């Protein structure tokens, strides 16, 4: 084991900065059903996860390219920090 490597594994990231994660209900690359973001965000002190419901304008993972779909969540988050 390399010197000091025992200190490189943390159970929770030490970040104090608020973090917003946005996912989409119909995201086929990172489906909310897997719970990956839920687990990751639960380890953060100031993490917030938003899962945006699927709708007529959503495009799965590509909804991330449509700011109109998630902008309001970002504005709300920025107003709180």
Foldseek 3Di string as FASTA:
>chain_A
DDPPPVVVDDPADPDPDAEEAEAECQAPVDHCVVVPVVVNQVRDPRYDYYYQYDDPPDDHPCCVVVCVRCVVVVVVVVVVD
